Amino acid sequence: MRTLVCLAVVAALFLSVGCTAPNAPVLAGLVIDQKGPVSMAENYDMKSMKTGTSQAQGVILVGFGDASIKRAAENGQITKIHHVDSNSLCVLGIYSSYETIVYGE
């Protein structure tokens, strides 16, 4: 009985904190699928924007990838960053991804 209670507590903790994302306005134990802002500069022209993305993923206890702003800017050939957004997804603490989207010139 004691082992069963311990397993239930560990499972509840895993499900409740297994899906946390940087800058996450909402925490959920089962699924997170959200978009949000990271940062923004003043005075920019949206007409001439380039975009670049970078992504990191995780499966259970293994994480891989580079979701840095620097990598996203390099991927979009951006030298002057105007603003940055993010997309995050987490399913049951088993699979997660975090994408950084950089806008600029």
PDB file of N, CA and C in Angstrom:
ATOM      1  N   MET A   1       0.820  -1.194   0.000  1.00  0.00           N
ATOM      2  CA  MET A   1       0.000   0.000   0.000  1.00  0.00           C
ATOM      3  C   MET A   1       0.865   1.260   0.000  1.00  0.00           C
ATOM      4  N   ARG A   2       1.907   1.255   0.811  1.00  0.00           N
ATOM      5  CA  ARG A   2       2.795   2.408   0.904  1.00  0.00           C
ATOM      6  C   ARG A   2       3.463   2.683  -0.456  1.00  0.00           C
ATOM      7  N   THR A   3       3.870   1.627  -1.152  1.00  0.00           N
ATOM      8  CA  THR A   3       4.493   1.775  -2.473  1.00  0.00           C
ATOM      9  C   THR A   3       3.515   2.376  -3.466  1.00  0.00           C
ATOM     10  N   LEU A   4       2.271   1.961  -3.408  1.00  0.00           N
ATOM     11  CA  LEU A   4       1.245   2.479  -4.312  1.00  0.00           C
ATOM     12  C   LEU A   4       1.020   3.974  -4.085  1.00  0.00           C
ATOM     13  N   VAL A   5       0.980   4.386  -2.830  1.00  0.00           N
ATOM     14  CA  VAL A   5       0.810   5.804  -2.501  1.00  0.00           C
ATOM     15  C   VAL A   5       2.014   6.612  -3.000  1.00  0.00           C
ATOM     16  N   CYS A   6       3.213   6.095  -2.799  1.00  0.00           N
ATOM     17  CA  CYS A   6       4.417   6.785  -3.280  1.00  0.00           C
ATOM     18  C   CYS A   6       4.402   6.921  -4.797  1.00  0.00           C
ATOM     19  N   LEU A   7       4.017   5.867  -5.496  1.00  0.00           N
ATOM     20  CA  LEU A   7       3.934   5.932  -6.958  1.00  0.00           C
ATOM     21  C   LEU A   7       2.887   6.946  -7.417  1.00  0.00           C
ATOM     22  N   ALA A   8       1.765   7.012  -6.721  1.00  0.00           N
ATOM     23  CA  ALA A   8       0.717   7.974  -7.071  1.00  0.00           C
ATOM     24  C   ALA A   8       1.205   9.403  -6.872  1.00  0.00           C
ATOM     25  N   VAL A   9       1.929   9.650  -5.794  1.00  0.00           N
ATOM     26  CA  VAL A   9       2.463  10.990  -5.534  1.00  0.00           C
ATOM     27  C   VAL A   9       3.496  11.370  -6.597  1.00  0.00           C
ATOM     28  N   VAL A  10       4.384  10.451  -6.923  1.00  0.00           N
ATOM     29  CA  VAL A  10       5.402  10.725  -7.949  1.00  0.00           C
ATOM     30  C   VAL A  10       4.733  10.982  -9.294  1.00  0.00           C
ATOM     31  N   ALA A  11       3.724  10.186  -9.653  1.00  0.00           N
ATOM     32  CA  ALA A  11       3.015  10.384 -10.914  1.00  0.00           C
ATOM     33  C   ALA A  11       2.314  11.737 -10.936  1.00  0.00           C
ATOM     34  N   ALA A  12       1.695  12.126  -9.835  1.00  0.00           N
ATOM     35  CA  ALA A  12       1.013  13.427  -9.772  1.00  0.00           C
ATOM     36  C   ALA A  12       2.017  14.568  -9.916  1.00  0.00           C
ATOM     37  N   LEU A  13       3.153  14.465  -9.267  1.00  0.00           N
ATOM     38  CA  LEU A  13       4.181  15.495  -9.400  1.00  0.00           C
ATOM     39  C   LEU A  13       4.727  15.555 -10.817  1.00  0.00           C
ATOM     40  N   PHE A  14       4.952  14.403 -11.409  1.00  0.00           N
ATOM     41  CA  PHE A  14       5.460  14.350 -12.781  1.00  0.00           C
ATOM     42  C   PHE A  14       4.486  15.007 -13.737  1.00  0.00           C
ATOM     43  N   LEU A  15       3.213  14.722 -13.601  1.00  0.00           N
ATOM     44  CA  LEU A  15       2.213  15.297 -14.500  1.00  0.00           C
ATOM     45  C   LEU A  15       1.987  16.782 -14.240  1.00  0.00           C
ATOM     46  N   SER A  16       2.170  17.217 -13.007  1.00  0.00           N
ATOM     47  CA  SER A  16       1.886  18.620 -12.719  1.00  0.00           C
ATOM     48  C   SER A  16       3.050  19.546 -13.041  1.00  0.00           C
ATOM     49  N   VAL A  17       4.285  19.067 -12.985  1.00  0.00           N
ATOM     50  CA  VAL A  17       5.415  19.932 -13.278  1.00  0.00           C
ATOM     51  C   VAL A  17       6.219  19.459 -14.472  1.00  0.00           C
ATOM     52  N   GLY A  18       5.823  18.387 -15.097  1.00  0.00           N
ATOM     53  CA  GLY A  18       6.551  17.870 -16.242  1.00  0.00           C
ATOM     54  C   GLY A  18       6.481  18.799 -17.429  1.00  0.00           C
ATOM     55  N   CYS A  19       5.458  19.613 -17.524  1.00  0.00           N
ATOM     56  CA  CYS A  19       5.291  20.534 -18.652  1.00  0.00           C
ATOM     57  C   CYS A  19       5.418  21.963 -18.159  1.00  0.00           C
ATOM     58  N   THR A  20       6.607  22.444 -18.109  1.00  0.00           N
ATOM     59  CA  THR A  20       6.799  23.861 -17.825  1.00  0.00           C
ATOM     60  C   THR A  20       7.638  24.433 -18.941  1.00  0.00           C
ATOM     61  N   ALA A  21       7.313  25.624 -19.354  1.00  0.00           N
ATOM     62  CA  ALA A  21       8.024  26.254 -20.461  1.00  0.00           C
ATOM     63  C   ALA A  21       8.509  27.626 -20.028  1.00  0.00           C
ATOM     64  N   PRO A  22       9.642  28.031 -20.571  1.00  0.00           N
ATOM     65  CA  PRO A  22      10.098  29.387 -20.260  1.00  0.00           C
ATOM     66  C   PRO A  22       9.053  30.417 -20.671  1.00  0.00           C
ATOM     67  N   ASN A  23       8.876  31.440 -19.895  1.00  0.00           N
ATOM     68  CA  ASN A  23       7.921  32.512 -20.182  1.00  0.00           C
ATOM     69  C   ASN A  23       6.483  32.015 -20.271  1.00  0.00           C
ATOM     70  N   ALA A  24       6.186  30.900 -19.647  1.00  0.00           N
ATOM     71  CA  ALA A  24       4.847  30.329 -19.761  1.00  0.00           C
ATOM     72  C   ALA A  24       3.863  31.070 -18.871  1.00  0.00           C
ATOM     73  N   PRO A  25       2.825  31.681 -19.464  1.00  0.00           N
ATOM     74  CA  PRO A  25       1.826  32.350 -18.641  1.00  0.00           C
ATOM     75  C   PRO A  25       0.879  31.367 -17.987  1.00  0.00           C
ATOM     76  N   VAL A  26       0.790  30.156 -18.501  1.00  0.00           N
ATOM     77  CA  VAL A  26      -0.147  29.162 -17.989  1.00  0.00           C
ATOM     78  C   VAL A  26       0.599  27.855 -17.784  1.00  0.00           C
ATOM     79  N   LEU A  27       0.392  27.221 -16.652  1.00  0.00           N
ATOM     80  CA  LEU A  27       0.960  25.901 -16.416  1.00  0.00           C
ATOM     81  C   LEU A  27      -0.163  24.885 -16.447  1.00  0.00           C
ATOM     82  N   ALA A  28       0.085  23.771 -17.087  1.00  0.00           N
ATOM     83  CA  ALA A  28      -0.908  22.702 -17.167  1.00  0.00           C
ATOM     84  C   ALA A  28      -0.198  21.377 -17.000  1.00  0.00           C
ATOM     85  N   GLY A  29      -0.879  20.414 -16.434  1.00  0.00           N
ATOM     86  CA  GLY A  29      -0.270  19.117 -16.211  1.00  0.00           C
ATOM     87  C   GLY A  29      -0.342  18.199 -17.407  1.00  0.00           C
ATOM     88  N   LEU A  30      -1.328  18.361 -18.276  1.00  0.00           N
ATOM     89  CA  LEU A  30      -1.503  17.428 -19.381  1.00  0.00           C
ATOM     90  C   LEU A  30      -0.924  17.935 -20.690  1.00  0.00           C
ATOM     91  N   VAL A  31      -1.367  19.096 -21.143  1.00  0.00           N
ATOM     92  CA  VAL A  31      -0.912  19.617 -22.432  1.00  0.00           C
ATOM     93  C   VAL A  31      -0.752  21.130 -22.355  1.00  0.00           C
ATOM     94  N   ILE A  32       0.354  21.638 -22.875  1.00  0.00           N
ATOM     95  CA  ILE A  32       0.554  23.073 -23.069  1.00  0.00           C
ATOM     96  C   ILE A  32       0.781  23.276 -24.556  1.00  0.00           C
ATOM     97  N   ASP A  33       0.041  24.187 -25.148  1.00  0.00           N
ATOM     98  CA  ASP A  33       0.263  24.583 -26.543  1.00  0.00           C
ATOM     99  C   ASP A  33      -0.014  26.075 -26.588  1.00  0.00           C
ATOM    100  N   GLN A  34       1.044  26.883 -26.561  1.00  0.00           N
ATOM    101  CA  GLN A  34       0.841  28.323 -26.443  1.00  0.00           C
ATOM    102  C   GLN A  34       1.874  29.111 -27.227  1.00  0.00           C
ATOM    103  N   LYS A  35       1.490  30.313 -27.565  1.00  0.00           N
ATOM    104  CA  LYS A  35       2.368  31.263 -28.228  1.00  0.00           C
ATOM    105  C   LYS A  35       2.466  32.485 -27.328  1.00  0.00           C
ATOM    106  N   GLY A  36       3.590  33.165 -27.359  1.00  0.00           N
ATOM    107  CA  GLY A  36       3.714  34.338 -26.509  1.00  0.00           C
ATOM    108  C   GLY A  36       4.892  35.203 -26.891  1.00  0.00           C
ATOM    109  N   PRO A  37       4.908  36.424 -26.383  1.00  0.00           N
ATOM    110  CA  PRO A  37       6.008  37.342 -26.667  1.00  0.00           C
ATOM    111  C   PRO A  37       7.206  37.048 -25.773  1.00  0.00           C
ATOM    112  N   VAL A  38       8.380  37.391 -26.260  1.00  0.00           N
ATOM    113  CA  VAL A  38       9.594  37.287 -25.459  1.00  0.00           C
ATOM    114  C   VAL A  38      10.162  38.679 -25.233  1.00  0.00           C
ATOM    115  N   SER A  39      10.370  39.432 -26.325  1.00  0.00           N
ATOM    116  CA  SER A  39      10.885  40.796 -26.181  1.00  0.00           C
ATOM    117  C   SER A  39      10.540  41.607 -27.415  1.00  0.00           C
ATOM    118  N   MET A  40      10.667  42.943 -27.279  1.00  0.00           N
ATOM    119  CA  MET A  40      10.327  43.830 -28.381  1.00  0.00           C
ATOM    120  C   MET A  40      11.155  45.109 -28.300  1.00  0.00           C
ATOM    121  N   ALA A  41      11.623  45.571 -29.448  1.00  0.00           N
ATOM    122  CA  ALA A  41      12.338  46.849 -29.528  1.00  0.00           C
ATOM    123  C   ALA A  41      11.353  47.925 -29.968  1.00  0.00           C
ATOM    124  N   GLU A  42      11.730  49.164 -29.761  1.00  0.00           N
ATOM    125  CA  GLU A  42      10.862  50.270 -30.166  1.00  0.00           C
ATOM    126  C   GLU A  42      11.155  50.700 -31.596  1.00  0.00           C
ATOM    127  N   ASN A  43      10.171  51.342 -32.212  1.00  0.00           N
ATOM    128  CA  ASN A  43      10.329  51.983 -33.520  1.00  0.00           C
ATOM    129  C   ASN A  43      10.841  51.048 -34.610  1.00  0.00           C
ATOM    130  N   TYR A  44      10.001  50.201 -35.102  1.00  0.00           N
ATOM    131  CA  TYR A  44      10.383  49.360 -36.212  1.00  0.00           C
ATOM    132  C   TYR A  44       9.287  49.342 -37.263  1.00  0.00           C
ATOM    133  N   ASP A  45       9.675  48.989 -38.479  1.00  0.00           N
ATOM    134  CA  ASP A  45       8.771  48.965 -39.625  1.00  0.00           C
ATOM    135  C   ASP A  45       8.430  47.510 -39.940  1.00  0.00           C
ATOM    136  N   MET A  46       7.188  47.119 -39.712  1.00  0.00           N
ATOM    137  CA  MET A  46       6.765  45.736 -39.924  1.00  0.00           C
ATOM    138  C   MET A  46       6.811  45.323 -41.390  1.00  0.00           C
ATOM    139  N   LYS A  47       6.848  46.270 -42.314  1.00  0.00           N
ATOM    140  CA  LYS A  47       6.812  45.935 -43.739  1.00  0.00           C
ATOM    141  C   LYS A  47       8.071  45.225 -44.209  1.00  0.00           C
ATOM    142  N   SER A  48       9.190  45.537 -43.629  1.00  0.00           N
ATOM    143  CA  SER A  48      10.455  44.991 -44.114  1.00  0.00           C
ATOM    144  C   SER A  48      11.017  43.904 -43.200  1.00  0.00           C
ATOM    145  N   MET A  49      10.170  43.197 -42.509  1.00  0.00           N
ATOM    146  CA  MET A  49      10.624  42.200 -41.554  1.00  0.00           C
ATOM    147  C   MET A  49      11.063  40.901 -42.216  1.00  0.00           C
ATOM    148  N   LYS A  50      12.172  40.364 -41.728  1.00  0.00           N
ATOM    149  CA  LYS A  50      12.585  38.997 -42.030  1.00  0.00           C
ATOM    150  C   LYS A  50      12.292  38.190 -40.772  1.00  0.00           C
ATOM    151  N   THR A  51      12.137  36.895 -40.925  1.00  0.00           N
ATOM    152  CA  THR A  51      11.930  36.042 -39.755  1.00  0.00           C
ATOM    153  C   THR A  51      12.945  34.909 -39.751  1.00  0.00           C
ATOM    154  N   GLY A  52      13.284  34.482 -38.565  1.00  0.00           N
ATOM    155  CA  GLY A  52      14.156  33.332 -38.379  1.00  0.00           C
ATOM    156  C   GLY A  52      13.660  32.538 -37.191  1.00  0.00           C
ATOM    157  N   THR A  53      13.811  31.233 -37.243  1.00  0.00           N
ATOM    158  CA  THR A  53      13.335  30.384 -36.149  1.00  0.00           C
ATOM    159  C   THR A  53      14.438  29.444 -35.675  1.00  0.00           C
ATOM    160  N   SER A  54      14.305  29.030 -34.437  1.00  0.00           N
ATOM    161  CA  SER A  54      15.164  27.988 -33.873  1.00  0.00           C
ATOM    162  C   SER A  54      14.297  27.165 -32.933  1.00  0.00           C
ATOM    163  N   GLN A  55      14.683  25.910 -32.708  1.00  0.00           N
ATOM    164  CA  GLN A  55      13.826  25.030 -31.920  1.00  0.00           C
ATOM    165  C   GLN A  55      14.640  24.050 -31.089  1.00  0.00           C
ATOM    166  N   ALA A  56      14.119  23.756 -29.912  1.00  0.00           N
ATOM    167  CA  ALA A  56      14.661  22.703 -29.057  1.00  0.00           C
ATOM    168  C   ALA A  56      13.518  21.768 -28.695  1.00  0.00           C
ATOM    169  N   GLN A  57      13.837  20.498 -28.510  1.00  0.00           N
ATOM    170  CA  GLN A  57      12.821  19.503 -28.193  1.00  0.00           C
ATOM    171  C   GLN A  57      13.292  18.634 -27.047  1.00  0.00           C
ATOM    172  N   GLY A  58      12.357  17.985 -26.417  1.00  0.00           N
ATOM    173  CA  GLY A  58      12.685  17.052 -25.357  1.00  0.00           C
ATOM    174  C   GLY A  58      11.750  15.864 -25.391  1.00  0.00           C
ATOM    175  N   VAL A  59      12.320  14.698 -25.120  1.00  0.00           N
ATOM    176  CA  VAL A  59      11.537  13.475 -25.021  1.00  0.00           C
ATOM    177  C   VAL A  59      11.914  12.827 -23.699  1.00  0.00           C
ATOM    178  N   ILE A  60      10.940  12.743 -22.805  1.00  0.00           N
ATOM    179  CA  ILE A  60      11.091  12.225 -21.444  1.00  0.00           C
ATOM    180  C   ILE A  60      12.231  12.958 -20.738  1.00  0.00           C
ATOM    181  N   LEU A  61      13.389  12.370 -20.575  1.00  0.00           N
ATOM    182  CA  LEU A  61      14.477  13.021 -19.836  1.00  0.00           C
ATOM    183  C   LEU A  61      15.597  13.521 -20.737  1.00  0.00           C
ATOM    184  N   VAL A  62      15.400  13.492 -22.056  1.00  0.00           N
ATOM    185  CA  VAL A  62      16.447  13.888 -22.995  1.00  0.00           C
ATOM    186  C   VAL A  62      16.005  15.143 -23.734  1.00  0.00           C
ATOM    187  N   GLY A  63      16.836  16.175 -23.698  1.00  0.00           N
ATOM    188  CA  GLY A  63      16.554  17.407 -24.420  1.00  0.00           C
ATOM    189  C   GLY A  63      17.622  17.655 -25.466  1.00  0.00           C
ATOM    190  N   PHE A  64      17.221  18.227 -26.589  1.00  0.00           N
ATOM    191  CA  PHE A  64      18.174  18.498 -27.655  1.00  0.00           C
ATOM    192  C   PHE A  64      17.699  19.676 -28.488  1.00  0.00           C
ATOM    193  N   GLY A  65      18.627  20.317 -29.187  1.00  0.00           N
ATOM    194  CA  GLY A  65      18.295  21.444 -30.041  1.00  0.00           C
ATOM    195  C   GLY A  65      18.809  22.754 -29.468  1.00  0.00           C
ATOM    196  N   ASP A  66      18.669  23.798 -30.265  1.00  0.00           N
ATOM    197  CA  ASP A  66      19.132  25.128 -29.887  1.00  0.00           C
ATOM    198  C   ASP A  66      18.017  26.118 -30.202  1.00  0.00           C
ATOM    199  N   ALA A  67      17.285  26.560 -29.206  1.00  0.00           N
ATOM    200  CA  ALA A  67      16.179  27.502 -29.388  1.00  0.00           C
ATOM    201  C   ALA A  67      16.592  28.914 -29.005  1.00  0.00           C
ATOM    202  N   SER A  68      17.868  29.212 -29.120  1.00  0.00           N
ATOM    203  CA  SER A  68      18.345  30.530 -28.714  1.00  0.00           C
ATOM    204  C   SER A  68      17.944  31.602 -29.720  1.00  0.00           C
ATOM    205  N   ILE A  69      17.896  32.834 -29.241  1.00  0.00           N
ATOM    206  CA  ILE A  69      17.605  33.974 -30.099  1.00  0.00           C
ATOM    207  C   ILE A  69      18.729  34.125 -31.132  1.00  0.00           C
ATOM    208  N   LYS A  70      19.951  33.903 -30.709  1.00  0.00           N
ATOM    209  CA  LYS A  70      21.093  34.014 -31.621  1.00  0.00           C
ATOM    210  C   LYS A  70      20.940  33.048 -32.796  1.00  0.00           C
ATOM    211  N   ARG A  71      20.593  31.794 -32.518  1.00  0.00           N
ATOM    212  CA  ARG A  71      20.442  30.797 -33.583  1.00  0.00           C
ATOM    213  C   ARG A  71      19.286  31.174 -34.514  1.00  0.00           C
ATOM    214  N   ALA A  72      18.182  31.636 -33.960  1.00  0.00           N
ATOM    215  CA  ALA A  72      17.039  32.035 -34.790  1.00  0.00           C
ATOM    216  C   ALA A  72      17.414  33.198 -35.695  1.00  0.00           C
ATOM    217  N   ALA A  73      18.153  34.174 -35.166  1.00  0.00           N
ATOM    218  CA  ALA A  73      18.591  35.318 -35.970  1.00  0.00           C
ATOM    219  C   ALA A  73      19.528  34.860 -37.084  1.00  0.00           C
ATOM    220  N   GLU A  74      20.443  33.961 -36.769  1.00  0.00           N
ATOM    221  CA  GLU A  74      21.346  33.419 -37.790  1.00  0.00           C
ATOM    222  C   GLU A  74      20.566  32.681 -38.878  1.00  0.00           C
ATOM    223  N   ASN A  75      19.589  31.882 -38.476  1.00  0.00           N
ATOM    224  CA  ASN A  75      18.794  31.117 -39.440  1.00  0.00           C
ATOM    225  C   ASN A  75      17.997  32.026 -40.372  1.00  0.00           C
ATOM    226  N   GLY A  76      17.608  33.208 -39.906  1.00  0.00           N
ATOM    227  CA  GLY A  76      16.862  34.148 -40.732  1.00  0.00           C
ATOM    228  C   GLY A  76      17.732  35.233 -41.352  1.00  0.00           C
ATOM    229  N   GLN A  77      19.041  35.116 -41.156  1.00  0.00           N
ATOM    230  CA  GLN A  77      19.998  36.117 -41.644  1.00  0.00           C
ATOM    231  C   GLN A  77      19.615  37.519 -41.167  1.00  0.00           C
ATOM    232  N   ILE A  78      19.305  37.614 -39.876  1.00  0.00           N
ATOM    233  CA  ILE A  78      18.877  38.864 -39.252  1.00  0.00           C
ATOM    234  C   ILE A  78      20.041  39.435 -38.444  1.00  0.00           C
ATOM    235  N   THR A  79      20.347  40.699 -38.674  1.00  0.00           N
ATOM    236  CA  THR A  79      21.420  41.356 -37.924  1.00  0.00           C
ATOM    237  C   THR A  79      20.882  42.389 -36.933  1.00  0.00           C
ATOM    238  N   LYS A  80      19.656  42.864 -37.162  1.00  0.00           N
ATOM    239  CA  LYS A  80      19.033  43.828 -36.255  1.00  0.00           C
ATOM    240  C   LYS A  80      17.683  43.264 -35.817  1.00  0.00           C
ATOM    241  N   ILE A  81      17.608  42.853 -34.562  1.00  0.00           N
ATOM    242  CA  ILE A  81      16.400  42.205 -34.036  1.00  0.00           C
ATOM    243  C   ILE A  81      15.406  43.252 -33.573  1.00  0.00           C
ATOM    244  N   HIS A  82      14.155  43.107 -34.006  1.00  0.00           N
ATOM    245  CA  HIS A  82      13.098  44.023 -33.591  1.00  0.00           C
ATOM    246  C   HIS A  82      12.225  43.419 -32.498  1.00  0.00           C
ATOM    247  N   HIS A  83      11.797  42.182 -32.694  1.00  0.00           N
ATOM    248  CA  HIS A  83      11.058  41.536 -31.618  1.00  0.00           C
ATOM    249  C   HIS A  83      11.161  40.026 -31.732  1.00  0.00           C
ATOM    250  N   VAL A  84      10.816  39.353 -30.626  1.00  0.00           N
ATOM    251  CA  VAL A  84      10.966  37.901 -30.518  1.00  0.00           C
ATOM    252  C   VAL A  84       9.690  37.326 -29.934  1.00  0.00           C
ATOM    253  N   ASP A  85       9.203  36.258 -30.548  1.00  0.00           N
ATOM    254  CA  ASP A  85       8.044  35.514 -30.039  1.00  0.00           C
ATOM    255  C   ASP A  85       8.470  34.082 -29.764  1.00  0.00           C
ATOM    256  N   SER A  86       7.571  33.322 -29.127  1.00  0.00           N
ATOM    257  CA  SER A  86       7.865  31.922 -28.834  1.00  0.00           C
ATOM    258  C   SER A  86       6.613  31.070 -29.010  1.00  0.00           C
ATOM    259  N   ASN A  87       6.843  29.817 -29.318  1.00  0.00           N
ATOM    260  CA  ASN A  87       5.797  28.792 -29.340  1.00  0.00           C
ATOM    261  C   ASN A  87       6.285  27.657 -28.456  1.00  0.00           C
ATOM    262  N   SER A  88       5.426  27.169 -27.595  1.00  0.00           N
ATOM    263  CA  SER A  88       5.823  26.025 -26.778  1.00  0.00           C
ATOM    264  C   SER A  88       4.727  24.978 -26.789  1.00  0.00           C
ATOM    265  N   LEU A  89       5.147  23.741 -26.727  1.00  0.00           N
ATOM    266  CA  LEU A  89       4.230  22.605 -26.711  1.00  0.00           C
ATOM    267  C   LEU A  89       4.782  21.582 -25.744  1.00  0.00           C
ATOM    268  N   CYS A  90       3.928  21.046 -24.916  1.00  0.00           N
ATOM    269  CA  CYS A  90       4.323  19.965 -24.016  1.00  0.00           C
ATOM    270  C   CYS A  90       3.135  19.026 -23.847  1.00  0.00           C
ATOM    271  N   VAL A  91       3.393  17.743 -24.000  1.00  0.00           N
ATOM    272  CA  VAL A  91       2.337  16.744 -23.887  1.00  0.00           C
ATOM    273  C   VAL A  91       2.716  15.750 -22.793  1.00  0.00           C
ATOM    274  N   LEU A  92       1.969  15.780 -21.709  1.00  0.00           N
ATOM    275  CA  LEU A  92       2.111  14.840 -20.595  1.00  0.00           C
ATOM    276  C   LEU A  92       3.511  14.757 -19.996  1.00  0.00           C
ATOM    277  N   GLY A  93       4.327  15.763 -20.222  1.00  0.00           N
ATOM    278  CA  GLY A  93       5.692  15.704 -19.719  1.00  0.00           C
ATOM    279  C   GLY A  93       6.547  14.696 -20.454  1.00  0.00           C
ATOM    280  N   ILE A  94       6.012  14.118 -21.527  1.00  0.00           N
ATOM    281  CA  ILE A  94       6.736  13.111 -22.298  1.00  0.00           C
ATOM    282  C   ILE A  94       7.438  13.755 -23.489  1.00  0.00           C
ATOM    283  N   TYR A  95       6.731  14.618 -24.197  1.00  0.00           N
ATOM    284  CA  TYR A  95       7.299  15.314 -25.353  1.00  0.00           C
ATOM    285  C   TYR A  95       7.118  16.813 -25.166  1.00  0.00           C
ATOM    286  N   SER A  96       8.152  17.579 -25.474  1.00  0.00           N
ATOM    287  CA  SER A  96       8.030  19.036 -25.420  1.00  0.00           C
ATOM    288  C   SER A  96       8.859  19.659 -26.534  1.00  0.00           C
ATOM    289  N   SER A  97       8.421  20.824 -26.974  1.00  0.00           N
ATOM    290  CA  SER A  97       9.200  21.594 -27.936  1.00  0.00           C
ATOM    291  C   SER A  97       9.057  23.065 -27.594  1.00  0.00           C
ATOM    292  N   TYR A  98      10.101  23.810 -27.888  1.00  0.00           N
ATOM    293  CA  TYR A  98      10.112  25.250 -27.668  1.00  0.00           C
ATOM    294  C   TYR A  98      10.727  25.881 -28.902  1.00  0.00           C
ATOM    295  N   GLU A  99       9.997  26.786 -29.536  1.00  0.00           N
ATOM    296  CA  GLU A  99      10.452  27.448 -30.742  1.00  0.00           C
ATOM    297  C   GLU A  99      10.576  28.941 -30.480  1.00  0.00           C
ATOM    298  N   THR A 100      11.676  29.520 -30.940  1.00  0.00           N
ATOM    299  CA  THR A 100      11.910  30.953 -30.852  1.00  0.00           C
ATOM    300  C   THR A 100      11.765  31.538 -32.249  1.00  0.00           C
ATOM    301  N   ILE A 101      10.977  32.597 -32.382  1.00  0.00           N
ATOM    302  CA  ILE A 101      10.789  33.268 -33.673  1.00  0.00           C
ATOM    303  C   ILE A 101      11.307  34.690 -33.529  1.00  0.00           C
ATOM    304  N   VAL A 102      12.291  35.040 -34.361  1.00  0.00           N
ATOM    305  CA  VAL A 102      12.906  36.357 -34.328  1.00  0.00           C
ATOM    306  C   VAL A 102      12.477  37.131 -35.566  1.00  0.00           C
ATOM    307  N   TYR A 103      12.114  38.404 -35.378  1.00  0.00           N
ATOM    308  CA  TYR A 103      11.740  39.291 -36.477  1.00  0.00           C
ATOM    309  C   TYR A 103      12.720  40.442 -36.517  1.00  0.00           C
ATOM    310  N   GLY A 104      13.136  40.831 -37.701  1.00  0.00           N
ATOM    311  CA  GLY A 104      14.069  41.947 -37.799  1.00  0.00           C
ATOM    312  C   GLY A 104      14.564  42.178 -39.217  1.00  0.00           C
ATOM    313  N   GLU A 105      15.700  42.832 -39.298  1.00  0.00           N
ATOM    314  CA  GLU A 105      16.293  43.190 -40.602  1.00  0.00           C
ATOM    315  C   GLU A 105      17.587  42.423 -40.820  1.00  0.00           C
TER     316      GLU A 105
END
